Amino acid sequence: MHNIDFIATVAAGLTAALAFGYLTQRVGLSPIVGYLIGGTLLGPYTPGYVADTSIAEQLAEIGVVLLMFGVGLQFHIGELLAVRRIAIPGAIAQSAAATALGAGIAYAAGWLPAAGIVFGIALSVASTVVLVRVLTDFRDLHTRAGHIAVGWLVVEDLFTVLALVLLPILVGGGRGATNIPLALVTTALKVAALVIFTIVVGQRLVPALLDRVAATGSRELFTLTVLVVALGIAFGSAVLFGVSMALGAFLAGMVVGRSDYSLRAASEALPMRDAFAVLFFVSVGMLLDPQFLFEAPGLLAATLAVVMIGKPLVALVIVRLLGYPFRTALSVAVALAQIGEFSFILSSLGRELGVLPDVATNTIVAVSIVSIMANPLLYRLVVPIERWASRHPRLWRLLEPAATKDDGHAQRVPSMTDPSHRAIVVGYGPTGRTVTRLLQENGIEPVVVDLNIDTVRRVRDADITAVYGDAAQRETLESAGIHQAATLVLASAGMEQSETVIRAARELNPAIYVLARSAYLRDVGRLEAAGANKVFSGEGEVALAFNETILERLGATPEQLDRERDRAHEDLFGRAG
């Protein structure tokens, strides 16, 4: 019977998630909304079939572990250290503010002080699953805002570990407050031991293990090995070191990510994480009692205000005060405006300690679901809000004041009398570096525009003019000297705002020659319609290269090559080359 319950829960959960995820996707909402709705309908508080909540929660834990492992694969230690100056003070300030506001709500509701502490801490921790999913859906996970937000959450996870250790001492009444320093030291030593073991020892053992397994040529064994590394280190971190499994999985992902197998691990071993992540959202939805939404509207509204207004406002102010652009600050703030899995862990601890009332638990679950539902919708408004604010000069000067620091905000480029001697290169990846070198070798001054501050600093160290900013903003293009440039090169792959950049450049300098890059042939016409003079598609150029290489191997004459090249160009691009 237990096996039937297990299969029934998985089947019902995935089916409900598929049905409602598809519907919400069709109406323009994130599928996450559909997953949560599906979970609520399978929960014990709604009529119809009731799934096994405990089974769903156990499967969801695997999803959290695998998702954190995937984040670790793509987020190397250098990126974490690069945002430490903003992630650490930001997480501390935001967590303190949210905890204080939550405790204030608890005090107004007449709860015990201990309940206020647990409730406030639960409101201070954002959901890693939701944040990563939202950033991924909007293709912002690997941007500066994404790195800051993920680094911010890593710090919050460490605080959660401390909270799980200290809360029994603070509110449990067992060992007394005299053990707090000892608990802090013990927890710090456990986390340090886990980091040292995972990074130092793991960097030697894991790549060697993957080498041996990859040498067998078995795809199944390789996939199994990656899963064992992810789940094994996550489990070991909890059992041996007493810290979060999510933190252990994140560190495991970092180890694999620094090996030669990071791409293969991501492509072969992690697709199943999406299914488990879906079950996580279903399990959250199952906890909601819809009737509660009408029983305590004031408490629910106040708690929502803390999570969706108080927390993001603190984050927005901190990120801006540290010199980052308004859009980055707004993106980070909105991404953090939700709570999730760690809030449930903390509330469960509060119930076990006997200090958190049932109404508090229901509030946390309801606010979590509402904030998770609203988060993708709010994140979609980041760009429109920025555009609206930029059209109001006084407001924009307040939100985006002229930067004076050497990190590149709107730094003006000296003008030149001959525009033909200047070109603007947006993006400094492999393509951007190659184009920049070519321009320099031919006496043309390149001006690099990039959103990665470390990249901008490296470019400047090489005596190349660079502007730190978003090329989709007119101010950034003006700072790069768009009026005095003859050429604009969009060298970054997959730029979502390429059309915006091209149109802005055309408005500022109608005579500029625009070279653009697109990943797919279907985007060529769209970029040309926006004003690009020449668009190079990855798909098209590879097809042409294959065509020419095959003809050369078949012994085609130069005339045949030219004729077939024009024919292929016509087939691919609708015109002769």
Foldseek 3Di string as FASTA:
>chain_A
DVVVLLVVQLVQLVVQLVVQLVVCVVVPFHSLLSLLVSLLCQAPQHDDHHHDLVSLQVLLLLLLLLVLLLLLLVQAPVLLVVQCVQLQVLLVVLLVQQLVLQLVLCVVVPADSLQSNLLSNLLSAADPLLLCVLCVVVVNCPFNLNSSLVSNNLNSQLVLQLCVQCSCAVQLPDPHPVCSVVSVVLLVVLVVVLLCCLQVVVLPPVLVVLVVQVVVVDLVSNLVSLSCLSQVQLVCSCPVSVGHSSSSNSSSSNSCSPHPCSVVNCVRRRPCSVSSNSSQSSSLSNPANVVLCVVCVPSLVSSLCSLQPVSLVSQLVSCVVVPDANLSSNLSSLSRSAGGDSSLVSVVVCVVSVRHDPNSNNSNSVSRSVSSSCSSVSSVCSVVVVVVQVVPVVSCCVRGPQDDDPLARLAADDADPAQAQEEEEEDCDPQNVVVCVVSVVVRHQYEYEYQDSVVCVVCVVVVHHYHHDDLLDLSRCVRSPLQSHQEYEHRDEPDPCLLSNLLSSCVNHVRHAYEYEYADLVCQVVNVVSPHPYYDYPVLVVVLVVVLVVCVVVPDDPVVSQVVSQVSCCVRNVGGD
